[in-house]
N, C-alpha and C. Protein backbone atom coordinates (compact mmCIF):
# COMPACT_ATOMS: atom_id res chain seq x y z
N MET A 1 66.78 -10.91 -33.54
CA MET A 1 66.01 -12.13 -33.33
C MET A 1 65.82 -12.80 -34.68
N LYS A 2 65.98 -14.16 -34.72
CA LYS A 2 65.71 -14.93 -35.95
C LYS A 2 64.46 -15.78 -35.69
N ILE A 3 63.55 -15.70 -36.66
CA ILE A 3 62.30 -16.43 -36.58
C ILE A 3 62.22 -17.30 -37.84
N ALA A 4 61.98 -18.62 -37.65
CA ALA A 4 61.81 -19.53 -38.78
C ALA A 4 60.36 -19.98 -38.83
N VAL A 5 59.89 -20.19 -40.06
CA VAL A 5 58.55 -20.66 -40.28
C VAL A 5 58.63 -21.87 -41.22
N THR A 6 57.96 -23.00 -40.91
CA THR A 6 57.85 -24.06 -41.89
C THR A 6 57.16 -23.46 -43.07
N TYR A 7 57.64 -23.72 -44.28
CA TYR A 7 57.25 -22.89 -45.43
C TYR A 7 56.92 -23.72 -46.66
N GLU A 8 55.80 -23.33 -47.32
CA GLU A 8 55.45 -23.88 -48.61
C GLU A 8 54.52 -22.91 -49.31
N ASN A 9 54.94 -22.45 -50.48
CA ASN A 9 54.11 -21.57 -51.29
C ASN A 9 53.56 -20.38 -50.55
N GLY A 10 54.39 -19.76 -49.73
CA GLY A 10 54.00 -18.53 -48.99
C GLY A 10 53.30 -18.78 -47.72
N ASN A 11 52.93 -20.03 -47.41
CA ASN A 11 52.15 -20.33 -46.23
C ASN A 11 52.96 -21.15 -45.21
N VAL A 12 52.38 -21.23 -44.03
CA VAL A 12 52.93 -22.06 -42.94
C VAL A 12 52.65 -23.51 -43.33
N PHE A 13 53.72 -24.29 -43.51
CA PHE A 13 53.55 -25.72 -43.82
C PHE A 13 53.10 -26.41 -42.53
N GLN A 14 52.24 -27.41 -42.67
CA GLN A 14 51.51 -27.96 -41.52
C GLN A 14 52.18 -29.13 -40.81
N HIS A 15 53.35 -29.59 -41.25
CA HIS A 15 53.99 -30.69 -40.50
C HIS A 15 55.54 -30.41 -40.48
N PHE A 16 56.01 -30.06 -39.31
CA PHE A 16 57.39 -29.68 -39.11
C PHE A 16 58.38 -30.69 -39.69
N GLY A 17 58.23 -31.98 -39.36
CA GLY A 17 59.17 -32.99 -39.79
C GLY A 17 59.18 -33.28 -41.26
N ARG A 18 58.17 -32.82 -41.97
CA ARG A 18 58.10 -33.06 -43.41
C ARG A 18 58.28 -31.82 -44.25
N THR A 19 58.56 -30.72 -43.59
CA THR A 19 58.78 -29.49 -44.36
C THR A 19 60.06 -29.59 -45.18
N GLU A 20 60.01 -29.12 -46.38
CA GLU A 20 61.19 -29.14 -47.23
C GLU A 20 61.93 -27.78 -47.16
N GLN A 21 61.20 -26.71 -46.69
CA GLN A 21 61.84 -25.43 -46.59
C GLN A 21 61.36 -24.70 -45.34
N PHE A 22 62.23 -23.77 -44.92
CA PHE A 22 61.89 -22.82 -43.88
C PHE A 22 62.08 -21.43 -44.45
N LYS A 23 61.25 -20.48 -44.04
CA LYS A 23 61.52 -19.08 -44.32
C LYS A 23 62.04 -18.51 -43.01
N VAL A 24 63.26 -17.96 -43.08
CA VAL A 24 63.92 -17.43 -41.88
C VAL A 24 63.93 -15.90 -41.98
N TYR A 25 63.43 -15.28 -40.92
CA TYR A 25 63.32 -13.82 -40.89
C TYR A 25 64.28 -13.30 -39.83
N ASP A 26 64.94 -12.21 -40.14
CA ASP A 26 65.70 -11.43 -39.16
C ASP A 26 64.83 -10.29 -38.75
N ALA A 27 64.64 -10.11 -37.43
CA ALA A 27 63.78 -9.04 -36.94
C ALA A 27 64.57 -8.20 -35.93
N GLN A 28 64.35 -6.89 -35.97
CA GLN A 28 64.92 -5.96 -35.02
C GLN A 28 63.85 -4.92 -34.70
N ASP A 29 63.76 -4.57 -33.41
CA ASP A 29 62.82 -3.54 -32.96
C ASP A 29 61.40 -3.82 -33.42
N GLY A 30 61.01 -5.11 -33.40
CA GLY A 30 59.63 -5.50 -33.76
C GLY A 30 59.31 -5.44 -35.22
N LYS A 31 60.32 -5.39 -36.10
CA LYS A 31 60.09 -5.31 -37.54
C LYS A 31 61.00 -6.27 -38.27
N ILE A 32 60.51 -6.82 -39.36
CA ILE A 32 61.29 -7.71 -40.20
C ILE A 32 62.29 -6.85 -40.98
N VAL A 33 63.57 -7.19 -40.91
CA VAL A 33 64.57 -6.47 -41.64
C VAL A 33 65.10 -7.27 -42.86
N SER A 34 64.94 -8.59 -42.84
CA SER A 34 65.31 -9.39 -44.00
C SER A 34 64.69 -10.80 -43.84
N SER A 35 64.66 -11.52 -44.92
CA SER A 35 64.17 -12.90 -44.86
C SER A 35 64.79 -13.66 -46.02
N ALA A 36 64.86 -14.99 -45.82
CA ALA A 36 65.37 -15.88 -46.86
C ALA A 36 64.74 -17.21 -46.71
N VAL A 37 64.52 -17.92 -47.83
CA VAL A 37 64.00 -19.28 -47.80
C VAL A 37 65.20 -20.21 -47.88
N ILE A 38 65.21 -21.20 -46.92
CA ILE A 38 66.32 -22.17 -46.90
C ILE A 38 65.75 -23.56 -47.03
N ASP A 39 66.47 -24.46 -47.64
CA ASP A 39 66.08 -25.88 -47.72
C ASP A 39 66.43 -26.57 -46.40
N ASN A 40 65.76 -27.67 -46.15
CA ASN A 40 65.99 -28.39 -44.90
C ASN A 40 67.23 -29.24 -44.90
N GLY A 41 67.90 -29.30 -46.00
CA GLY A 41 69.16 -30.08 -46.07
C GLY A 41 68.93 -31.56 -46.10
N GLY A 42 67.72 -31.99 -46.46
CA GLY A 42 67.41 -33.42 -46.50
C GLY A 42 67.15 -34.05 -45.17
N GLN A 43 67.07 -33.21 -44.12
CA GLN A 43 66.85 -33.73 -42.79
C GLN A 43 65.36 -33.77 -42.44
N GLY A 44 65.01 -34.49 -41.41
CA GLY A 44 63.66 -34.56 -40.97
C GLY A 44 63.56 -34.62 -39.49
N HIS A 45 62.39 -34.35 -38.99
CA HIS A 45 61.97 -34.44 -37.60
C HIS A 45 63.00 -33.83 -36.63
N GLU A 46 63.46 -34.57 -35.69
CA GLU A 46 64.29 -33.98 -34.60
C GLU A 46 65.55 -33.30 -35.12
N ALA A 47 66.17 -33.82 -36.19
CA ALA A 47 67.38 -33.20 -36.75
C ALA A 47 67.16 -31.77 -37.21
N LEU A 48 65.91 -31.48 -37.61
CA LEU A 48 65.62 -30.10 -38.03
C LEU A 48 65.77 -29.09 -36.89
N ALA A 49 65.55 -29.49 -35.67
CA ALA A 49 65.70 -28.58 -34.57
C ALA A 49 67.14 -28.10 -34.47
N PHE A 50 68.10 -28.97 -34.73
CA PHE A 50 69.50 -28.61 -34.65
C PHE A 50 69.96 -27.88 -35.89
N LEU A 51 69.31 -28.11 -37.03
CA LEU A 51 69.56 -27.32 -38.22
C LEU A 51 69.18 -25.85 -37.91
N LEU A 52 67.99 -25.64 -37.32
CA LEU A 52 67.54 -24.29 -37.01
C LEU A 52 68.44 -23.62 -35.98
N SER A 53 68.74 -24.33 -34.90
CA SER A 53 69.58 -23.71 -33.87
C SER A 53 70.97 -23.38 -34.42
N GLY A 54 71.45 -24.21 -35.33
CA GLY A 54 72.75 -23.92 -35.95
C GLY A 54 72.72 -22.68 -36.83
N LYS A 55 71.59 -22.28 -37.28
CA LYS A 55 71.42 -21.08 -38.05
C LYS A 55 71.07 -19.87 -37.20
N GLY A 56 71.06 -20.08 -35.86
CA GLY A 56 70.80 -18.99 -34.94
C GLY A 56 69.35 -18.65 -34.75
N VAL A 57 68.45 -19.60 -35.10
CA VAL A 57 67.00 -19.37 -34.96
C VAL A 57 66.60 -19.37 -33.49
N ASP A 58 65.84 -18.36 -33.10
CA ASP A 58 65.33 -18.24 -31.71
C ASP A 58 63.90 -18.76 -31.58
N VAL A 59 63.09 -18.61 -32.64
CA VAL A 59 61.67 -18.93 -32.57
C VAL A 59 61.30 -19.72 -33.83
N LEU A 60 60.43 -20.73 -33.66
CA LEU A 60 59.86 -21.47 -34.79
C LEU A 60 58.35 -21.33 -34.76
N ILE A 61 57.78 -21.01 -35.92
CA ILE A 61 56.32 -20.99 -36.07
C ILE A 61 56.00 -22.08 -37.10
N CYS A 62 55.03 -22.96 -36.73
CA CYS A 62 54.66 -24.04 -37.61
C CYS A 62 53.24 -24.51 -37.37
N GLY A 63 52.87 -25.52 -38.11
CA GLY A 63 51.57 -26.17 -37.94
C GLY A 63 51.62 -27.11 -36.74
N GLY A 64 52.07 -28.34 -36.94
CA GLY A 64 52.16 -29.29 -35.85
C GLY A 64 53.46 -30.08 -35.92
N MET A 65 53.74 -30.80 -34.85
CA MET A 65 54.92 -31.61 -34.75
C MET A 65 54.75 -32.65 -33.66
N GLY A 66 55.52 -33.68 -33.73
CA GLY A 66 55.50 -34.75 -32.71
C GLY A 66 56.30 -34.34 -31.48
N MET A 67 56.14 -35.13 -30.45
CA MET A 67 56.83 -34.84 -29.21
C MET A 67 58.35 -34.90 -29.29
N GLY A 68 58.85 -35.82 -30.08
CA GLY A 68 60.33 -35.91 -30.23
C GLY A 68 60.94 -34.64 -30.78
N ALA A 69 60.26 -34.08 -31.77
CA ALA A 69 60.77 -32.83 -32.38
C ALA A 69 60.59 -31.68 -31.39
N ARG A 70 59.50 -31.67 -30.65
CA ARG A 70 59.28 -30.60 -29.64
C ARG A 70 60.39 -30.64 -28.57
N MET A 71 60.71 -31.86 -28.14
CA MET A 71 61.78 -31.99 -27.14
C MET A 71 63.11 -31.56 -27.72
N ALA A 72 63.38 -31.90 -28.98
CA ALA A 72 64.63 -31.49 -29.62
C ALA A 72 64.72 -29.99 -29.75
N LEU A 73 63.61 -29.31 -30.05
CA LEU A 73 63.62 -27.86 -30.14
C LEU A 73 63.90 -27.25 -28.78
N GLU A 74 63.28 -27.80 -27.75
CA GLU A 74 63.50 -27.31 -26.39
C GLU A 74 64.99 -27.49 -26.03
N GLU A 75 65.54 -28.64 -26.34
CA GLU A 75 66.96 -28.90 -26.05
C GLU A 75 67.86 -27.91 -26.79
N ALA A 76 67.46 -27.57 -28.02
CA ALA A 76 68.25 -26.68 -28.86
C ALA A 76 68.03 -25.19 -28.53
N GLY A 77 67.08 -24.92 -27.62
CA GLY A 77 66.84 -23.55 -27.20
C GLY A 77 66.00 -22.75 -28.15
N VAL A 78 65.17 -23.43 -28.97
CA VAL A 78 64.31 -22.74 -29.95
C VAL A 78 62.87 -22.77 -29.39
N GLU A 79 62.27 -21.59 -29.25
CA GLU A 79 60.86 -21.48 -28.83
C GLU A 79 59.98 -21.98 -29.93
N TYR A 80 58.86 -22.64 -29.57
CA TYR A 80 57.96 -23.25 -30.54
C TYR A 80 56.55 -22.65 -30.42
N TYR A 81 56.00 -22.25 -31.58
CA TYR A 81 54.62 -21.78 -31.65
C TYR A 81 53.92 -22.58 -32.73
N GLY A 82 53.09 -23.55 -32.32
CA GLY A 82 52.43 -24.44 -33.26
C GLY A 82 50.94 -24.12 -33.46
N GLY A 83 50.37 -24.88 -34.37
CA GLY A 83 48.95 -24.71 -34.69
C GLY A 83 48.68 -23.49 -35.49
N VAL A 84 49.68 -22.93 -36.16
CA VAL A 84 49.52 -21.73 -36.96
C VAL A 84 49.23 -22.11 -38.39
N GLN A 85 48.31 -21.39 -39.01
CA GLN A 85 47.94 -21.61 -40.41
C GLN A 85 47.95 -20.28 -41.12
N GLY A 86 47.99 -20.36 -42.47
CA GLY A 86 47.91 -19.16 -43.29
C GLY A 86 49.29 -18.66 -43.76
N SER A 87 49.31 -17.40 -44.12
CA SER A 87 50.52 -16.75 -44.64
C SER A 87 51.66 -16.72 -43.64
N ALA A 88 52.82 -17.14 -44.11
CA ALA A 88 54.01 -17.12 -43.26
C ALA A 88 54.40 -15.68 -42.86
N ASP A 89 54.36 -14.75 -43.81
CA ASP A 89 54.72 -13.36 -43.51
C ASP A 89 53.74 -12.78 -42.48
N GLU A 90 52.44 -13.05 -42.63
CA GLU A 90 51.45 -12.52 -41.70
C GLU A 90 51.62 -13.12 -40.30
N ALA A 91 52.01 -14.40 -40.25
CA ALA A 91 52.25 -15.05 -38.96
C ALA A 91 53.42 -14.39 -38.21
N VAL A 92 54.48 -14.09 -38.93
CA VAL A 92 55.64 -13.48 -38.31
C VAL A 92 55.31 -12.03 -37.86
N ASN A 93 54.59 -11.30 -38.69
CA ASN A 93 54.18 -9.95 -38.28
C ASN A 93 53.28 -10.01 -37.05
N ALA A 94 52.39 -10.99 -37.01
CA ALA A 94 51.51 -11.11 -35.83
C ALA A 94 52.33 -11.49 -34.60
N PHE A 95 53.30 -12.36 -34.75
CA PHE A 95 54.18 -12.70 -33.60
C PHE A 95 54.91 -11.48 -33.11
N LEU A 96 55.45 -10.71 -33.99
CA LEU A 96 56.21 -9.49 -33.60
C LEU A 96 55.28 -8.44 -32.96
N ALA A 97 54.00 -8.44 -33.33
CA ALA A 97 53.06 -7.51 -32.76
C ALA A 97 52.45 -8.04 -31.44
N GLY A 98 52.79 -9.29 -31.12
CA GLY A 98 52.29 -9.89 -29.89
C GLY A 98 50.87 -10.43 -29.98
N ASN A 99 50.40 -10.69 -31.21
CA ASN A 99 49.04 -11.24 -31.32
C ASN A 99 48.95 -12.47 -32.24
N LEU A 100 49.99 -13.27 -32.24
CA LEU A 100 49.94 -14.52 -33.03
C LEU A 100 48.96 -15.46 -32.43
N VAL A 101 48.07 -16.00 -33.27
CA VAL A 101 47.12 -17.03 -32.83
C VAL A 101 47.80 -18.39 -33.04
N TYR A 102 47.99 -19.09 -31.92
CA TYR A 102 48.67 -20.42 -31.97
C TYR A 102 48.06 -21.30 -30.91
N ASP A 103 48.41 -22.59 -30.98
CA ASP A 103 47.94 -23.59 -30.02
C ASP A 103 49.11 -24.28 -29.39
N PRO A 104 49.44 -23.98 -28.16
CA PRO A 104 50.61 -24.57 -27.51
C PRO A 104 50.50 -26.07 -27.31
N ASP A 105 49.29 -26.62 -27.44
CA ASP A 105 49.07 -28.04 -27.19
C ASP A 105 48.97 -28.86 -28.47
N VAL A 106 49.08 -28.23 -29.66
CA VAL A 106 48.95 -28.98 -30.89
C VAL A 106 50.06 -30.00 -31.00
N SER A 107 49.74 -31.18 -31.51
CA SER A 107 50.75 -32.21 -31.70
C SER A 107 50.38 -33.02 -32.91
N CYS A 108 51.29 -33.77 -33.41
CA CYS A 108 51.06 -34.56 -34.62
C CYS A 108 51.85 -35.85 -34.54
N ASP A 109 51.25 -36.97 -34.89
CA ASP A 109 51.93 -38.25 -34.89
C ASP A 109 51.64 -38.91 -36.22
N HIS A 110 52.59 -38.84 -37.15
CA HIS A 110 52.42 -39.42 -38.45
C HIS A 110 53.13 -40.78 -38.58
N HIS A 111 53.62 -41.29 -37.47
CA HIS A 111 54.45 -42.49 -37.55
C HIS A 111 53.71 -43.80 -37.39
N GLY A 112 52.55 -43.78 -36.76
CA GLY A 112 51.81 -45.03 -36.54
C GLY A 112 50.77 -45.23 -37.58
N GLU A 113 49.96 -46.27 -37.41
CA GLU A 113 48.89 -46.57 -38.31
C GLU A 113 47.82 -45.48 -38.30
N ASP A 114 47.56 -44.98 -37.10
CA ASP A 114 46.56 -43.91 -36.95
C ASP A 114 47.21 -42.55 -37.01
N HIS A 115 46.46 -41.62 -37.51
CA HIS A 115 46.92 -40.24 -37.57
C HIS A 115 46.06 -39.41 -36.69
N ASP A 116 46.63 -38.75 -35.69
CA ASP A 116 45.86 -37.97 -34.76
C ASP A 116 46.52 -36.59 -34.61
N CYS A 117 45.87 -35.57 -35.11
CA CYS A 117 46.48 -34.25 -35.01
C CYS A 117 45.40 -33.18 -34.89
N ALA A 118 45.82 -31.98 -34.55
CA ALA A 118 44.89 -30.88 -34.35
C ALA A 118 45.13 -29.76 -35.30
N HIS A 119 45.49 -30.11 -36.54
CA HIS A 119 45.75 -29.09 -37.53
C HIS A 119 45.37 -29.69 -38.89
N ASP A 120 45.35 -28.85 -39.89
CA ASP A 120 44.99 -29.24 -41.25
C ASP A 120 46.26 -29.58 -42.01
N CYS A 121 46.65 -30.82 -42.02
CA CYS A 121 47.87 -31.22 -42.68
C CYS A 121 47.62 -31.96 -43.99
N GLY A 122 46.37 -32.06 -44.38
CA GLY A 122 46.03 -32.75 -45.61
C GLY A 122 45.83 -34.23 -45.46
N ARG A 123 45.96 -34.73 -44.25
CA ARG A 123 45.70 -36.18 -44.00
C ARG A 123 44.43 -36.28 -43.17
N GLU A 124 43.81 -37.41 -43.22
CA GLU A 124 42.59 -37.62 -42.42
C GLU A 124 42.95 -37.61 -40.95
N CYS A 125 42.31 -36.76 -40.20
CA CYS A 125 42.64 -36.61 -38.81
C CYS A 125 41.45 -36.93 -37.91
N SER A 126 41.75 -37.36 -36.74
CA SER A 126 40.69 -37.57 -35.72
C SER A 126 41.19 -36.97 -34.40
N ASN A 127 40.34 -36.36 -33.67
CA ASN A 127 40.75 -35.76 -32.42
C ASN A 127 40.01 -36.38 -31.26
C-alpha cells in the first residue's frame, strides 16, 4: 500500500492544492517499509490527484481541500482522509494502526473572496 501525505517541515500541510511536496510511504503488514519526499511537479489542485495515482498512491492524508480536488481523487481511485494535523509520520502510523483522527467533511475554498474552512491553514477562517 502507498500512502501520501501533504508535507511541509515534517508535518501535514494544510491545503492540498497548494502543497509543494508529498511524503509517500510504502507500507506492508501494517508497517512503514520506506518513504520518500516528492515534489508536486508544479501542479496544483485537481491535477495533483492524477500525479498521486500515477505514482501508485492508494491513500492521501491531508488538511483540507476543495470539492474539485476531492472529486478528482475519487475518480483517480485515491482514498482521502482530511482534517489531519501534526506530524506526517505519526499520522501514517495512526492510519496503519486504525486510529487516525480525521474529519471526512472538512473542505476548503481558497478561490473566492471569502475563505471558509475547517482546518488551520494559516488564513483567516470562518465556519
